[in-house]
Amino acid sequence: MTTLYLIYAPGVTVDARAIEGSVELMPGLCLIRTEQTRSQLYHAIKRRLDPEQFLVAPLSDLPKFKGMTAGASKAVRRLGRL
């Protein structure tokens, strides 16, 4: 089963293209759909990006948003179909 997570890592570029099942909403903010647990994802990000601050939060549904990176809405809708 996959879970949708919101990742917030201010000041860190999360290259969503390098992470399958993810979409960058804006620099430092992305969504990822994964089979990993929250703890597994948290520690993977911590090891890979070494951010000073970050947040990993599960979402029950796709978020509504405005003013994010070009193409984010289309990519998020595609992510919702996974």
PDB file of N, CA and C in Angstrom:
ATOM      1  N   MET A   1       0.844  -1.185   0.000  1.00  0.00           N
ATOM      2  CA  MET A   1       0.000   0.000   0.000  1.00  0.00           C
ATOM      3  C   MET A   1       0.886   1.244   0.000  1.00  0.00           C
ATOM      4  N   THR A   2       0.512   2.227  -0.793  1.00  0.00           N
ATOM      5  CA  THR A   2       1.288   3.462  -0.831  1.00  0.00           C
ATOM      6  C   THR A   2       0.622   4.538   0.009  1.00  0.00           C
ATOM      7  N   THR A   3       1.440   5.457   0.480  1.00  0.00           N
ATOM      8  CA  THR A   3       0.976   6.589   1.273  1.00  0.00           C
ATOM      9  C   THR A   3       1.502   7.863   0.629  1.00  0.00           C
ATOM     10  N   LEU A   4       0.700   8.924   0.677  1.00  0.00           N
ATOM     11  CA  LEU A   4       1.096  10.225   0.171  1.00  0.00           C
ATOM     12  C   LEU A   4       1.651  11.050   1.327  1.00  0.00           C
ATOM     13  N   TYR A   5       2.844  11.609   1.124  1.00  0.00           N
ATOM     14  CA  TYR A   5       3.498  12.417   2.153  1.00  0.00           C
ATOM     15  C   TYR A   5       3.804  13.805   1.626  1.00  0.00           C
ATOM     16  N   LEU A   6       3.744  14.788   2.512  1.00  0.00           N
ATOM     17  CA  LEU A   6       4.196  16.143   2.246  1.00  0.00           C
ATOM     18  C   LEU A   6       5.583  16.262   2.866  1.00  0.00           C
ATOM     19  N   ILE A   7       6.549  16.713   2.080  1.00  0.00           N
ATOM     20  CA  ILE A   7       7.914  16.904   2.555  1.00  0.00           C
ATOM     21  C   ILE A   7       8.218  18.393   2.490  1.00  0.00           C
ATOM     22  N   TYR A   8       8.636  18.964   3.602  1.00  0.00           N
ATOM     23  CA  TYR A   8       9.026  20.371   3.647  1.00  0.00           C
ATOM     24  C   TYR A   8      10.444  20.435   4.183  1.00  0.00           C
ATOM     25  N   ALA A   9      11.352  20.956   3.370  1.00  0.00           N
ATOM     26  CA  ALA A   9      12.757  21.090   3.760  1.00  0.00           C
ATOM     27  C   ALA A   9      13.236  22.460   3.295  1.00  0.00           C
ATOM     28  N   PRO A  10      12.999  23.507   4.101  1.00  0.00           N
ATOM     29  CA  PRO A  10      13.359  24.867   3.679  1.00  0.00           C
ATOM     30  C   PRO A  10      14.855  24.995   3.429  1.00  0.00           C
ATOM     31  N   GLY A  11      15.190  25.670   2.333  1.00  0.00           N
ATOM     32  CA  GLY A  11      16.595  25.896   2.007  1.00  0.00           C
ATOM     33  C   GLY A  11      17.280  24.715   1.341  1.00  0.00           C
ATOM     34  N   VAL A  12      16.516  23.649   1.085  1.00  0.00           N
ATOM     35  CA  VAL A  12      17.088  22.451   0.461  1.00  0.00           C
ATOM     36  C   VAL A  12      16.355  22.199  -0.845  1.00  0.00           C
ATOM     37  N   THR A  13      17.099  21.926  -1.894  1.00  0.00           N
ATOM     38  CA  THR A  13      16.474  21.585  -3.162  1.00  0.00           C
ATOM     39  C   THR A  13      16.206  20.091  -3.167  1.00  0.00           C
ATOM     40  N   VAL A  14      14.947  19.750  -3.197  1.00  0.00           N
ATOM     41  CA  VAL A  14      14.539  18.354  -3.287  1.00  0.00           C
ATOM     42  C   VAL A  14      14.313  18.082  -4.761  1.00  0.00           C
ATOM     43  N   ASP A  15      15.218  17.337  -5.388  1.00  0.00           N
ATOM     44  CA  ASP A  15      15.082  17.045  -6.815  1.00  0.00           C
ATOM     45  C   ASP A  15      14.039  15.962  -6.992  1.00  0.00           C
ATOM     46  N   ALA A  16      12.795  16.380  -7.152  1.00  0.00           N
ATOM     47  CA  ALA A  16      11.683  15.439  -7.252  1.00  0.00           C
ATOM     48  C   ALA A  16      11.824  14.518  -8.455  1.00  0.00           C
ATOM     49  N   ARG A  17      12.514  14.986  -9.495  1.00  0.00           N
ATOM     50  CA  ARG A  17      12.695  14.141 -10.674  1.00  0.00           C
ATOM     51  C   ARG A  17      13.543  12.917 -10.345  1.00  0.00           C
ATOM     52  N   ALA A  18      14.394  13.023  -9.346  1.00  0.00           N
ATOM     53  CA  ALA A  18      15.280  11.919  -8.981  1.00  0.00           C
ATOM     54  C   ALA A  18      14.597  10.909  -8.058  1.00  0.00           C
ATOM     55  N   ILE A  19      13.412  11.252  -7.560  1.00  0.00           N
ATOM     56  CA  ILE A  19      12.698  10.382  -6.631  1.00  0.00           C
ATOM     57  C   ILE A  19      11.389   9.960  -7.287  1.00  0.00           C
ATOM     58  N   GLU A  20      11.305   8.701  -7.652  1.00  0.00           N
ATOM     59  CA  GLU A  20      10.097   8.200  -8.308  1.00  0.00           C
ATOM     60  C   GLU A  20       8.878   8.403  -7.405  1.00  0.00           C
ATOM     61  N   GLY A  21       7.774   8.841  -7.983  1.00  0.00           N
ATOM     62  CA  GLY A  21       6.542   9.047  -7.233  1.00  0.00           C
ATOM     63  C   GLY A  21       6.490  10.364  -6.494  1.00  0.00           C
ATOM     64  N   SER A  22       7.341  11.323  -6.911  1.00  0.00           N
ATOM     65  CA  SER A  22       7.336  12.607  -6.212  1.00  0.00           C
ATOM     66  C   SER A  22       7.100  13.770  -7.171  1.00  0.00           C
ATOM     67  N   VAL A  23       6.629  14.876  -6.596  1.00  0.00           N
ATOM     68  CA  VAL A  23       6.343  16.098  -7.353  1.00  0.00           C
ATOM     69  C   VAL A  23       6.821  17.277  -6.516  1.00  0.00           C
ATOM     70  N   GLU A  24       7.641  18.144  -7.127  1.00  0.00           N
ATOM     71  CA  GLU A  24       8.068  19.363  -6.447  1.00  0.00           C
ATOM     72  C   GLU A  24       6.984  20.420  -6.617  1.00  0.00           C
ATOM     73  N   LEU A  25       6.488  20.946  -5.506  1.00  0.00           N
ATOM     74  CA  LEU A  25       5.486  22.012  -5.552  1.00  0.00           C
ATOM     75  C   LEU A  25       6.153  23.379  -5.647  1.00  0.00           C
ATOM     76  N   MET A  26       7.279  23.531  -4.971  1.00  0.00           N
ATOM     77  CA  MET A  26       8.110  24.721  -4.997  1.00  0.00           C
ATOM     78  C   MET A  26       9.424  24.324  -4.328  1.00  0.00           C
ATOM     79  N   PRO A  27      10.473  25.118  -4.446  1.00  0.00           N
ATOM     80  CA  PRO A  27      11.734  24.733  -3.810  1.00  0.00           C
ATOM     81  C   PRO A  27      11.539  24.427  -2.313  1.00  0.00           C
ATOM     82  N   GLY A  28      11.986  23.240  -1.929  1.00  0.00           N
ATOM     83  CA  GLY A  28      11.886  22.833  -0.531  1.00  0.00           C
ATOM     84  C   GLY A  28      10.569  22.198  -0.135  1.00  0.00           C
ATOM     85  N   LEU A  29       9.611  22.096  -1.062  1.00  0.00           N
ATOM     86  CA  LEU A  29       8.298  21.540  -0.748  1.00  0.00           C
ATOM     87  C   LEU A  29       7.891  20.550  -1.837  1.00  0.00           C
ATOM     88  N   CYS A  30       7.638  19.317  -1.441  1.00  0.00           N
ATOM     89  CA  CYS A  30       7.225  18.333  -2.441  1.00  0.00           C
ATOM     90  C   CYS A  30       6.277  17.307  -1.837  1.00  0.00           C
ATOM     91  N   LEU A  31       5.632  16.582  -2.730  1.00  0.00           N
ATOM     92  CA  LEU A  31       4.773  15.464  -2.367  1.00  0.00           C
ATOM     93  C   LEU A  31       5.445  14.204  -2.864  1.00  0.00           C
ATOM     94  N   ILE A  32       5.284  13.126  -2.126  1.00  0.00           N
ATOM     95  CA  ILE A  32       5.807  11.847  -2.576  1.00  0.00           C
ATOM     96  C   ILE A  32       4.824  10.746  -2.202  1.00  0.00           C
ATOM     97  N   ARG A  33       4.589   9.854  -3.146  1.00  0.00           N
ATOM     98  CA  ARG A  33       3.766   8.674  -2.888  1.00  0.00           C
ATOM     99  C   ARG A  33       4.733   7.497  -2.858  1.00  0.00           C
ATOM    100  N   THR A  34       4.749   6.782  -1.736  1.00  0.00           N
ATOM    101  CA  THR A  34       5.717   5.706  -1.551  1.00  0.00           C
ATOM    102  C   THR A  34       5.146   4.596  -0.678  1.00  0.00           C
ATOM    103  N   GLU A  35       5.774   3.451  -0.748  1.00  0.00           N
ATOM    104  CA  GLU A  35       5.423   2.328   0.121  1.00  0.00           C
ATOM    105  C   GLU A  35       6.200   2.381   1.431  1.00  0.00           C
ATOM    106  N   GLN A  36       7.150   3.302   1.529  1.00  0.00           N
ATOM    107  CA  GLN A  36       7.926   3.441   2.761  1.00  0.00           C
ATOM    108  C   GLN A  36       7.045   3.952   3.895  1.00  0.00           C
ATOM    109  N   THR A  37       7.403   3.592   5.116  1.00  0.00           N
ATOM    110  CA  THR A  37       6.724   4.165   6.276  1.00  0.00           C
ATOM    111  C   THR A  37       7.219   5.596   6.459  1.00  0.00           C
ATOM    112  N   ARG A  38       6.534   6.352   7.281  1.00  0.00           N
ATOM    113  CA  ARG A  38       6.977   7.727   7.553  1.00  0.00           C
ATOM    114  C   ARG A  38       8.391   7.726   8.117  1.00  0.00           C
ATOM    115  N   SER A  39       8.685   6.813   9.033  1.00  0.00           N
ATOM    116  CA  SER A  39      10.016   6.731   9.627  1.00  0.00           C
ATOM    117  C   SER A  39      11.079   6.395   8.579  1.00  0.00           C
ATOM    118  N   GLN A  40      10.784   5.441   7.713  1.00  0.00           N
ATOM    119  CA  GLN A  40      11.743   5.068   6.662  1.00  0.00           C
ATOM    120  C   GLN A  40      12.013   6.244   5.730  1.00  0.00           C
ATOM    121  N   LEU A  41      10.963   6.952   5.334  1.00  0.00           N
ATOM    122  CA  LEU A  41      11.115   8.105   4.451  1.00  0.00           C
ATOM    123  C   LEU A  41      11.875   9.224   5.150  1.00  0.00           C
ATOM    124  N   TYR A  42      11.538   9.495   6.396  1.00  0.00           N
ATOM    125  CA  TYR A  42      12.220  10.525   7.193  1.00  0.00           C
ATOM    126  C   TYR A  42      13.726  10.265   7.229  1.00  0.00           C
ATOM    127  N   HIS A  43      14.103   9.041   7.557  1.00  0.00           N
ATOM    128  CA  HIS A  43      15.526   8.719   7.678  1.00  0.00           C
ATOM    129  C   HIS A  43      16.225   8.706   6.325  1.00  0.00           C
ATOM    130  N   ALA A  44      15.533   8.314   5.263  1.00  0.00           N
ATOM    131  CA  ALA A  44      16.118   8.355   3.924  1.00  0.00           C
ATOM    132  C   ALA A  44      16.415   9.800   3.512  1.00  0.00           C
ATOM    133  N   ILE A  45      15.480  10.700   3.788  1.00  0.00           N
ATOM    134  CA  ILE A  45      15.688  12.121   3.471  1.00  0.00           C
ATOM    135  C   ILE A  45      16.796  12.694   4.336  1.00  0.00           C
ATOM    136  N   LYS A  46      16.786  12.346   5.596  1.00  0.00           N
ATOM    137  CA  LYS A  46      17.811  12.837   6.524  1.00  0.00           C
ATOM    138  C   LYS A  46      19.210  12.429   6.051  1.00  0.00           C
ATOM    139  N   ARG A  47      19.357  11.187   5.624  1.00  0.00           N
ATOM    140  CA  ARG A  47      20.667  10.714   5.150  1.00  0.00           C
ATOM    141  C   ARG A  47      21.033  11.323   3.799  1.00  0.00           C
ATOM    142  N   ARG A  48      20.065  11.409   2.905  1.00  0.00           N
ATOM    143  CA  ARG A  48      20.337  11.849   1.530  1.00  0.00           C
ATOM    144  C   ARG A  48      20.566  13.345   1.409  1.00  0.00           C
ATOM    145  N   LEU A  49      19.749  14.150   2.083  1.00  0.00           N
ATOM    146  CA  LEU A  49      19.802  15.602   1.927  1.00  0.00           C
ATOM    147  C   LEU A  49      20.460  16.338   3.082  1.00  0.00           C
ATOM    148  N   ASP A  50      20.534  15.718   4.246  1.00  0.00           N
ATOM    149  CA  ASP A  50      21.104  16.324   5.451  1.00  0.00           C
ATOM    150  C   ASP A  50      20.563  17.733   5.715  1.00  0.00           C
ATOM    151  N   PRO A  51      19.237  17.909   5.715  1.00  0.00           N
ATOM    152  CA  PRO A  51      18.682  19.240   5.963  1.00  0.00           C
ATOM    153  C   PRO A  51      18.787  19.623   7.441  1.00  0.00           C
ATOM    154  N   GLU A  52      18.883  20.929   7.699  1.00  0.00           N
ATOM    155  CA  GLU A  52      18.892  21.398   9.089  1.00  0.00           C
ATOM    156  C   GLU A  52      17.499  21.282   9.690  1.00  0.00           C
ATOM    157  N   GLN A  53      16.485  21.533   8.869  1.00  0.00           N
ATOM    158  CA  GLN A  53      15.086  21.447   9.301  1.00  0.00           C
ATOM    159  C   GLN A  53      14.300  20.742   8.211  1.00  0.00           C
ATOM    160  N   PHE A  54      13.361  19.907   8.598  1.00  0.00           N
ATOM    161  CA  PHE A  54      12.451  19.347   7.613  1.00  0.00           C
ATOM    162  C   PHE A  54      11.282  18.676   8.294  1.00  0.00           C
ATOM    163  N   LEU A  55      10.259  18.420   7.483  1.00  0.00           N
ATOM    164  CA  LEU A  55       9.019  17.854   7.972  1.00  0.00           C
ATOM    165  C   LEU A  55       8.575  16.772   7.002  1.00  0.00           C
ATOM    166  N   VAL A  56       8.120  15.655   7.524  1.00  0.00           N
ATOM    167  CA  VAL A  56       7.533  14.580   6.729  1.00  0.00           C
ATOM    168  C   VAL A  56       6.164  14.316   7.343  1.00  0.00           C
ATOM    169  N   ALA A  57       5.109  14.565   6.564  1.00  0.00           N
ATOM    170  CA  ALA A  57       3.751  14.404   7.093  1.00  0.00           C
ATOM    171  C   ALA A  57       2.884  13.623   6.114  1.00  0.00           C
ATOM    172  N   PRO A  58       2.179  12.589   6.605  1.00  0.00           N
ATOM    173  CA  PRO A  58       1.280  11.846   5.725  1.00  0.00           C
ATOM    174  C   PRO A  58       0.037  12.683   5.413  1.00  0.00           C
ATOM    175  N   LEU A  59      -0.481  12.517   4.195  1.00  0.00           N
ATOM    176  CA  LEU A  59      -1.702  13.205   3.778  1.00  0.00           C
ATOM    177  C   LEU A  59      -2.758  12.164   3.439  1.00  0.00           C
ATOM    178  N   SER A  60      -4.001  12.452   3.745  1.00  0.00           N
ATOM    179  CA  SER A  60      -5.077  11.511   3.439  1.00  0.00           C
ATOM    180  C   SER A  60      -5.637  11.727   2.039  1.00  0.00           C
ATOM    181  N   ASP A  61      -5.315  12.868   1.419  1.00  0.00           N
ATOM    182  CA  ASP A  61      -5.834  13.192   0.094  1.00  0.00           C
ATOM    183  C   ASP A  61      -4.882  14.175  -0.577  1.00  0.00           C
ATOM    184  N   LEU A  62      -5.052  14.361  -1.876  1.00  0.00           N
ATOM    185  CA  LEU A  62      -4.243  15.348  -2.578  1.00  0.00           C
ATOM    186  C   LEU A  62      -4.593  16.744  -2.080  1.00  0.00           C
ATOM    187  N   PRO A  63      -3.594  17.604  -1.895  1.00  0.00           N
ATOM    188  CA  PRO A  63      -3.872  18.961  -1.406  1.00  0.00           C
ATOM    189  C   PRO A  63      -4.355  19.882  -2.518  1.00  0.00           C
ATOM    190  N   LYS A  64      -4.989  20.964  -2.141  1.00  0.00           N
ATOM    191  CA  LYS A  64      -5.342  22.051  -3.051  1.00  0.00           C
ATOM    192  C   LYS A  64      -4.264  23.110  -2.850  1.00  0.00           C
ATOM    193  N   PHE A  65      -3.855  23.776  -3.920  1.00  0.00           N
ATOM    194  CA  PHE A  65      -2.809  24.781  -3.787  1.00  0.00           C
ATOM    195  C   PHE A  65      -2.856  25.749  -4.965  1.00  0.00           C
ATOM    196  N   LYS A  66      -2.130  26.843  -4.815  1.00  0.00           N
ATOM    197  CA  LYS A  66      -2.077  27.883  -5.842  1.00  0.00           C
ATOM    198  C   LYS A  66      -0.673  28.488  -5.828  1.00  0.00           C
ATOM    199  N   GLY A  67      -0.170  28.841  -6.994  1.00  0.00           N
ATOM    200  CA  GLY A  67       1.087  29.576  -7.096  1.00  0.00           C
ATOM    201  C   GLY A  67       2.337  28.726  -6.915  1.00  0.00           C
ATOM    202  N   MET A  68       2.251  27.455  -7.187  1.00  0.00           N
ATOM    203  CA  MET A  68       3.410  26.581  -7.039  1.00  0.00           C
ATOM    204  C   MET A  68       4.161  26.489  -8.366  1.00  0.00           C
ATOM    205  N   THR A  69       5.194  25.662  -8.420  1.00  0.00           N
ATOM    206  CA  THR A  69       6.018  25.474  -9.603  1.00  0.00           C
ATOM    207  C   THR A  69       5.166  25.147 -10.831  1.00  0.00           C
ATOM    208  N   ALA A  70       5.548  25.692 -11.971  1.00  0.00           N
ATOM    209  CA  ALA A  70       4.819  25.429 -13.223  1.00  0.00           C
ATOM    210  C   ALA A  70       4.703  23.928 -13.465  1.00  0.00           C
ATOM    211  N   GLY A  71       3.507  23.481 -13.779  1.00  0.00           N
ATOM    212  CA  GLY A  71       3.255  22.076 -14.058  1.00  0.00           C
ATOM    213  C   GLY A  71       2.960  21.227 -12.832  1.00  0.00           C
ATOM    214  N   ALA A  72       3.013  21.823 -11.642  1.00  0.00           N
ATOM    215  CA  ALA A  72       2.795  21.056 -10.409  1.00  0.00           C
ATOM    216  C   ALA A  72       1.388  20.479 -10.325  1.00  0.00           C
ATOM    217  N   SER A  73       0.379  21.248 -10.714  1.00  0.00           N
ATOM    218  CA  SER A  73      -1.008  20.752 -10.630  1.00  0.00           C
ATOM    219  C   SER A  73      -1.200  19.500 -11.473  1.00  0.00           C
ATOM    220  N   LYS A  74      -0.693  19.534 -12.697  1.00  0.00           N
ATOM    221  CA  LYS A  74      -0.816  18.384 -13.596  1.00  0.00           C
ATOM    222  C   LYS A  74      -0.059  17.181 -13.031  1.00  0.00           C
ATOM    223  N   ALA A  75       1.126  17.401 -12.519  1.00  0.00           N
ATOM    224  CA  ALA A  75       1.926  16.312 -11.957  1.00  0.00           C
ATOM    225  C   ALA A  75       1.275  15.729 -10.710  1.00  0.00           C
ATOM    226  N   VAL A  76       0.659  16.563  -9.885  1.00  0.00           N
ATOM    227  CA  VAL A  76      -0.015  16.086  -8.677  1.00  0.00           C
ATOM    228  C   VAL A  76      -1.240  15.250  -9.047  1.00  0.00           C
ATOM    229  N   ARG A  77      -1.976  15.669 -10.049  1.00  0.00           N
ATOM    230  CA  ARG A  77      -3.123  14.857 -10.487  1.00  0.00           C
ATOM    231  C   ARG A  77      -2.651  13.499 -10.980  1.00  0.00           C
ATOM    232  N   ARG A  78      -1.538  13.464 -11.694  1.00  0.00           N
ATOM    233  CA  ARG A  78      -0.969  12.208 -12.170  1.00  0.00           C
ATOM    234  C   ARG A  78      -0.512  11.350 -10.983  1.00  0.00           C
ATOM    235  N   LEU A  79       0.067  11.988  -9.996  1.00  0.00           N
ATOM    236  CA  LEU A  79       0.511  11.292  -8.774  1.00  0.00           C
ATOM    237  C   LEU A  79      -0.680  10.676  -8.050  1.00  0.00           C
ATOM    238  N   GLY A  80      -1.811  11.360  -8.096  1.00  0.00           N
ATOM    239  CA  GLY A  80      -3.015  10.860  -7.439  1.00  0.00           C
ATOM    240  C   GLY A  80      -3.567   9.583  -8.052  1.00  0.00           C
ATOM    241  N   ARG A  81      -3.197   9.333  -9.295  1.00  0.00           N
ATOM    242  CA  ARG A  81      -3.678   8.129  -9.970  1.00  0.00           C
ATOM    243  C   ARG A  81      -2.781   6.918  -9.710  1.00  0.00           C
ATOM    244  N   LEU A  82      -1.651   7.112  -9.086  1.00  0.00           N
ATOM    245  CA  LEU A  82      -0.735   5.993  -8.816  1.00  0.00           C
ATOM    246  C   LEU A  82      -1.325   5.034  -7.803  1.00  0.00           C
TER     247      LEU A  82
END
